[in-house]
Structures are given as C-alpha cells and as structure tokens.
Amino acid sequence: MPDITSLPIYQQVSERLAREILAGRLTKGTKLPPEREMAAARGIAVGTLRKALNQLVQQGMLVRVHGAGNYIKKPEQATNIYAYFRLERCEGGGLPTAEFLDVQRMQKPADLPKFGTSDEGHRIRRFRKLDDVPAALEEIWLDGDVVDHIPPEDLSESLYLYYRTRLNFVIRRFEDRVSVGPKPDWGQDLLDLPNPTGFIERYSWAHDDAAVEFSRTWYHPERVVYVARA
C-alpha cells in the first residue's frame, strides 16, 4: 500500500483534545494552559495550536474568553472527525491512527450480512493504533454501487472524512453490535489478539434506505474498550 494521507497536525491536535473532552478527562469549565505553553509541550507552532482550538470552538467543545483564556465546554452532540470511533484506551481517549493493508473490489462473500444494493463491495482492511498502541484490526465493506473504484492513494486515515470530501456523502447514523468472536485469519503479524477477542459489527447509513457500509472490527480487550455515551 502507498503512504496514506495523515490528518493535518492541527486536526490531530484537535481530535486528541476532543477525545479527551468526550472521555471526561478534560471536564466542563476546565481552563486550558496558556497557548504558548500548550504549543511548546506538543512541539508545534502557536498558530497551529490556535487553528486546532478554533476547530474545537466551532464544534462546541471550547469557549474562548478574551483576556481570560480557553475553557472546556461539553457539546450537546459530538461532531469531531472521530465522533463515531468508539474504541478508547482503557484510561479513556486516545488518538486513532490507521495503516491501510489492502483495498479490493470483489464479490461480497457469503458470510457477510445483506447490505447495500450491489452484489459487489470494496473491501478495505486496516490496522488501528490508539496513541501508537496496537489496538484493532478492521475490515470495512463499502457497497459497490457507491463508487466504481477506490484509488488507495486517495484514502485518508479517517474513512468518514474520505467519504465526505471525495465521495460526497456523509454517514448519518450507524448501528453497532458488540460481542466476542474468533480472531481473524489475517493481520496476526501486526496484532496478537487473544482468541476469542473483542468484536464489533457495524452497519452505516448515508440515507434512510439500505446501509452503504458494513464493517467488522476485532480489538484487543486488554488494551482498549468500547465506549458509547448518551
């Protein structure tokens, strides 16, 4: 696989802070350190940090008080890039990264549940880390009628961002089924999963009719947990 487009630095900083906020590790009303101090701690320019903080303001997660500083605000609904990514470090939060392993268009196998309108789908396999800790293996199937071809070089670390910016649709709702299951027969050189292991099946809809995506995630239950917040 070619190199995959990583999120810009300001988005990585913004997403990391957003997940800390949603996990409750940064609570409502908490004042953030001075911007220059935060930027120095992360090894980034102050302008990059301010761009990240501006994004959090737009997402309703931060209030900027002129002359007083930046304060955490809990949003009514999360709208950050990884708002739908439910795996977290056991202590909460963690920035997701993805290594794409394989992208192929093929006939949907018999063991997949029915979804979408095509007999074919795009199978995307990737390896997930949280804060550089190996965490999960993912197999995502995008219905073949959504797009004819997916150039691997066009993919970004966030598939939902790729869908929105390249394929012009947005995942509006999803259904997760969390259980345990046998580990997959691929990816074991990247992640030594226990057997059985944590298992998630997800159906995703862009509209109110057929789901456009189905995915399977195998995660390491000693390193990450599945979290859903109301």
Protein backbone atom coordinates (compact mmCIF):
# COMPACT_ATOMS: atom_id res chain seq x y z
CA MET A 1 0.00 0.00 0.00
CA PRO A 2 1.23 3.56 -0.72
CA ASP A 3 1.55 6.12 2.02
CA ILE A 4 -1.88 7.17 3.31
CA THR A 5 -2.71 10.80 3.83
CA SER A 6 -2.44 11.59 7.53
CA LEU A 7 -4.61 14.20 9.13
CA PRO A 8 -3.02 17.68 9.24
CA ILE A 9 -1.21 18.42 12.50
CA TYR A 10 -3.84 20.89 13.69
CA GLN A 11 -6.57 18.26 13.17
CA GLN A 12 -4.55 15.65 15.05
CA VAL A 13 -4.23 18.05 17.99
CA SER A 14 -7.91 18.98 17.80
CA GLU A 15 -9.04 15.34 17.63
CA ARG A 16 -6.83 14.32 20.53
CA LEU A 17 -8.28 17.10 22.71
CA ALA A 18 -11.83 16.32 21.54
CA ARG A 19 -11.48 12.70 22.60
CA GLU A 20 -10.08 13.77 25.98
CA ILE A 21 -13.12 16.01 26.42
CA LEU A 22 -15.63 13.35 25.37
CA ALA A 23 -13.93 10.79 27.63
CA GLY A 24 -14.32 13.15 30.60
CA ARG A 25 -10.60 13.54 31.14
CA LEU A 26 -10.99 17.25 30.41
CA THR A 27 -14.12 18.34 32.24
CA LYS A 28 -16.52 21.20 31.62
CA GLY A 29 -15.21 24.52 32.91
CA THR A 30 -11.56 23.41 33.00
CA LYS A 31 -9.21 26.16 31.92
CA LEU A 32 -6.56 25.06 29.44
CA PRO A 33 -2.92 26.09 29.94
CA PRO A 34 -1.66 29.19 28.10
CA GLU A 35 -1.48 28.66 24.33
CA ARG A 36 2.28 29.13 24.10
CA GLU A 37 2.77 26.55 26.85
CA MET A 38 0.44 24.07 25.12
CA ALA A 39 2.16 24.59 21.77
CA ALA A 40 5.63 24.11 23.27
CA ALA A 41 4.54 20.92 25.05
CA ARG A 42 3.35 19.49 21.71
CA GLY A 43 6.30 20.75 19.68
CA ILE A 44 4.09 22.77 17.32
CA ALA A 45 3.75 26.42 16.34
CA VAL A 46 1.33 28.62 18.28
CA GLY A 47 -0.55 29.29 15.04
CA THR A 48 -1.09 25.55 14.52
CA LEU A 49 -2.40 25.19 18.06
CA ARG A 50 -4.77 28.14 17.63
CA LYS A 51 -6.14 26.56 14.45
CA ALA A 52 -6.82 23.37 16.45
CA LEU A 53 -8.51 25.31 19.25
CA ASN A 54 -10.62 27.25 16.73
CA GLN A 55 -11.90 23.93 15.41
CA LEU A 56 -12.92 22.91 18.94
CA VAL A 57 -14.75 26.22 19.33
CA GLN A 58 -16.68 25.52 16.12
CA GLN A 59 -17.55 22.04 17.43
CA GLY A 60 -18.89 23.46 20.69
CA MET A 61 -16.16 21.92 22.84
CA LEU A 62 -14.30 25.08 23.82
CA VAL A 63 -15.12 28.64 24.88
CA ARG A 64 -12.52 31.34 24.28
CA VAL A 65 -12.82 34.24 26.75
CA HIS A 66 -10.89 37.29 25.64
CA GLY A 67 -8.23 38.13 28.18
CA ALA A 68 -9.10 35.14 30.38
CA GLY A 69 -8.20 32.02 28.37
CA ASN A 70 -9.76 28.88 26.90
CA TYR A 71 -12.33 26.83 28.81
CA ILE A 72 -13.71 23.34 28.16
CA LYS A 73 -17.35 23.08 27.17
CA LYS A 74 -19.19 19.75 26.80
CA PRO A 75 -21.06 19.71 23.45
CA GLU A 76 -24.66 18.54 23.14
CA GLN A 77 -23.62 16.39 20.19
CA ALA A 78 -20.10 15.44 19.12
CA THR A 79 -19.21 16.48 15.56
CA ASN A 80 -15.45 15.89 15.50
CA ILE A 81 -13.92 13.61 12.87
CA TYR A 82 -13.66 10.61 15.19
CA ALA A 83 -17.01 11.19 16.92
CA TYR A 84 -18.20 7.77 15.67
CA PHE A 85 -15.00 5.94 16.64
CA ARG A 86 -15.97 4.14 19.84
CA LEU A 87 -12.73 2.47 20.87
CA GLU A 88 -10.73 4.20 23.60
CA ARG A 89 -7.69 3.47 25.71
CA CYS A 90 -8.70 1.76 28.95
CA GLU A 91 -7.97 5.02 30.79
CA GLY A 92 -10.04 6.99 28.22
CA GLY A 93 -9.41 8.87 24.98
CA GLY A 94 -6.51 8.21 22.65
CA LEU A 95 -5.83 9.45 19.12
CA PRO A 96 -6.68 6.84 16.45
CA THR A 97 -4.34 6.21 13.53
CA ALA A 98 -4.79 3.77 10.66
CA GLU A 99 -2.47 1.74 8.46
CA PHE A 100 -4.23 0.55 5.31
CA LEU A 101 -3.31 -3.01 4.41
CA ASP A 102 -5.45 -3.82 1.39
CA VAL A 103 -8.19 -2.31 -0.81
CA GLN A 104 -10.02 -4.51 -3.31
CA ARG A 105 -13.31 -4.54 -5.19
CA MET A 106 -14.80 -8.03 -5.11
CA GLN A 107 -17.94 -10.12 -4.83
CA LYS A 108 -19.42 -9.86 -1.38
CA PRO A 109 -18.67 -13.15 0.41
CA ALA A 110 -21.46 -15.37 1.65
CA ASP A 111 -20.63 -14.75 5.30
CA LEU A 112 -21.43 -11.04 5.03
CA PRO A 113 -24.93 -9.91 6.06
CA LYS A 114 -27.04 -8.30 3.38
CA PHE A 115 -26.43 -4.57 2.97
CA GLY A 116 -26.42 -2.09 0.13
CA THR A 117 -27.73 -2.62 -3.42
CA SER A 118 -24.80 -4.27 -5.21
CA ASP A 119 -23.52 -7.84 -5.20
CA GLU A 120 -20.00 -6.38 -5.05
CA GLY A 121 -18.23 -4.28 -2.47
CA HIS A 122 -14.92 -2.58 -1.76
CA ARG A 123 -13.08 -4.46 0.96
CA ILE A 124 -10.78 -2.26 3.00
CA ARG A 125 -8.55 -3.80 5.62
CA ARG A 126 -6.57 -1.72 8.08
CA PHE A 127 -4.61 -1.87 11.30
CA ARG A 128 -5.55 0.56 14.08
CA LYS A 129 -3.49 2.09 16.86
CA LEU A 130 -4.55 4.36 19.70
CA ASP A 131 -1.75 6.70 20.82
CA ASP A 132 0.66 4.37 19.00
CA VAL A 133 -0.61 1.35 20.98
CA PRO A 134 -1.65 -1.55 18.65
CA ALA A 135 -5.39 -1.86 19.21
CA ALA A 136 -7.54 -3.34 16.45
CA LEU A 137 -7.93 -4.89 13.02
CA GLU A 138 -10.72 -3.59 10.79
CA GLU A 139 -12.41 -4.93 7.68
CA ILE A 140 -14.71 -2.36 6.08
CA TRP A 141 -17.03 -3.14 3.18
CA LEU A 142 -18.36 -0.21 1.13
CA ASP A 143 -21.21 -1.10 -1.21
CA GLY A 144 -20.10 -1.37 -4.84
CA ASP A 145 -22.86 0.94 -6.11
CA VAL A 146 -21.46 3.88 -4.13
CA VAL A 147 -18.33 4.21 -6.29
CA ASP A 148 -16.72 2.18 -9.10
CA HIS A 149 -13.12 2.38 -7.91
CA ILE A 150 -11.23 3.46 -4.80
CA PRO A 151 -7.65 4.58 -5.53
CA PRO A 152 -5.64 3.62 -2.42
CA GLU A 153 -3.62 6.84 -2.67
CA ASP A 154 -6.83 8.87 -2.18
CA LEU A 155 -7.61 7.36 1.21
CA SER A 156 -7.07 9.28 4.43
CA GLU A 157 -6.76 7.99 7.99
CA SER A 158 -10.44 8.80 8.53
CA LEU A 159 -12.69 6.92 6.10
CA TYR A 160 -15.70 9.04 7.05
CA LEU A 161 -13.70 12.14 6.12
CA TYR A 162 -12.79 10.47 2.81
CA TYR A 163 -16.46 9.70 2.16
CA ARG A 164 -17.41 13.32 2.80
CA THR A 165 -14.61 15.03 0.89
CA ARG A 166 -14.06 12.59 -2.01
CA LEU A 167 -17.30 10.64 -2.42
CA ASN A 168 -19.71 13.42 -1.41
CA PHE A 169 -21.79 11.57 1.15
CA VAL A 170 -21.97 11.60 4.93
CA ILE A 171 -22.57 8.70 7.33
CA ARG A 172 -25.61 9.94 9.23
CA ARG A 173 -26.32 7.01 11.52
CA PHE A 174 -24.93 3.62 12.42
CA GLU A 175 -25.72 0.53 14.44
CA ASP A 176 -23.06 -1.34 16.40
CA ARG A 177 -23.33 -4.91 17.65
CA VAL A 178 -20.62 -5.59 20.22
CA SER A 179 -19.70 -9.10 21.30
CA VAL A 180 -16.76 -11.50 21.35
CA GLY A 181 -15.67 -13.64 18.44
CA PRO A 182 -12.82 -15.64 16.96
CA LYS A 183 -9.86 -13.58 15.82
CA PRO A 184 -9.47 -13.15 12.03
CA ASP A 185 -7.11 -15.26 9.93
CA TRP A 186 -5.17 -12.18 8.80
CA GLY A 187 -3.18 -9.40 10.47
CA GLN A 188 -1.76 -11.50 13.29
CA ASP A 189 1.76 -10.32 12.47
CA LEU A 190 0.58 -6.80 13.36
CA LEU A 191 -1.63 -7.51 16.36
CA ASP A 192 -1.50 -10.61 18.52
CA LEU A 193 -5.16 -10.83 19.52
CA PRO A 194 -6.45 -13.26 22.15
CA ASN A 195 -8.89 -15.90 20.95
CA PRO A 196 -11.76 -15.16 21.33
CA THR A 197 -11.40 -11.41 21.21
CA GLY A 198 -13.49 -8.23 21.26
CA PHE A 199 -15.67 -7.99 18.16
CA ILE A 200 -17.82 -5.21 16.66
CA GLU A 201 -20.15 -5.37 13.67
CA ARG A 202 -21.29 -2.00 12.33
CA TYR A 203 -23.95 -1.08 9.78
CA SER A 204 -23.73 2.51 8.47
CA TRP A 205 -26.32 4.56 6.61
CA ALA A 206 -25.95 7.70 4.50
CA HIS A 207 -29.71 7.83 3.88
CA ASP A 208 -32.79 6.15 5.31
CA ASP A 209 -32.75 3.19 2.92
CA ALA A 210 -30.12 0.45 2.61
CA ALA A 211 -26.90 0.64 4.62
CA VAL A 212 -23.97 1.69 2.42
CA GLU A 213 -21.29 0.17 4.62
CA PHE A 214 -20.73 -2.84 6.84
CA SER A 215 -17.62 -3.32 8.95
CA ARG A 216 -16.05 -5.83 11.30
CA THR A 217 -13.57 -4.83 13.98
CA TRP A 218 -11.51 -7.15 16.15
CA TYR A 219 -9.99 -5.34 19.12
CA HIS A 220 -7.64 -6.20 21.97
CA PRO A 221 -9.78 -6.14 25.15
CA GLU A 222 -6.77 -5.70 27.44
CA ARG A 223 -5.70 -2.50 25.67
CA VAL A 224 -8.87 -0.77 24.56
CA VAL A 225 -12.56 -0.69 25.44
CA TYR A 226 -15.72 0.07 23.50
CA VAL A 227 -17.46 3.19 24.85
CA ALA A 228 -20.82 4.69 23.86
CA ARG A 229 -22.03 7.86 25.57
CA ALA A 230 -25.54 9.30 25.55
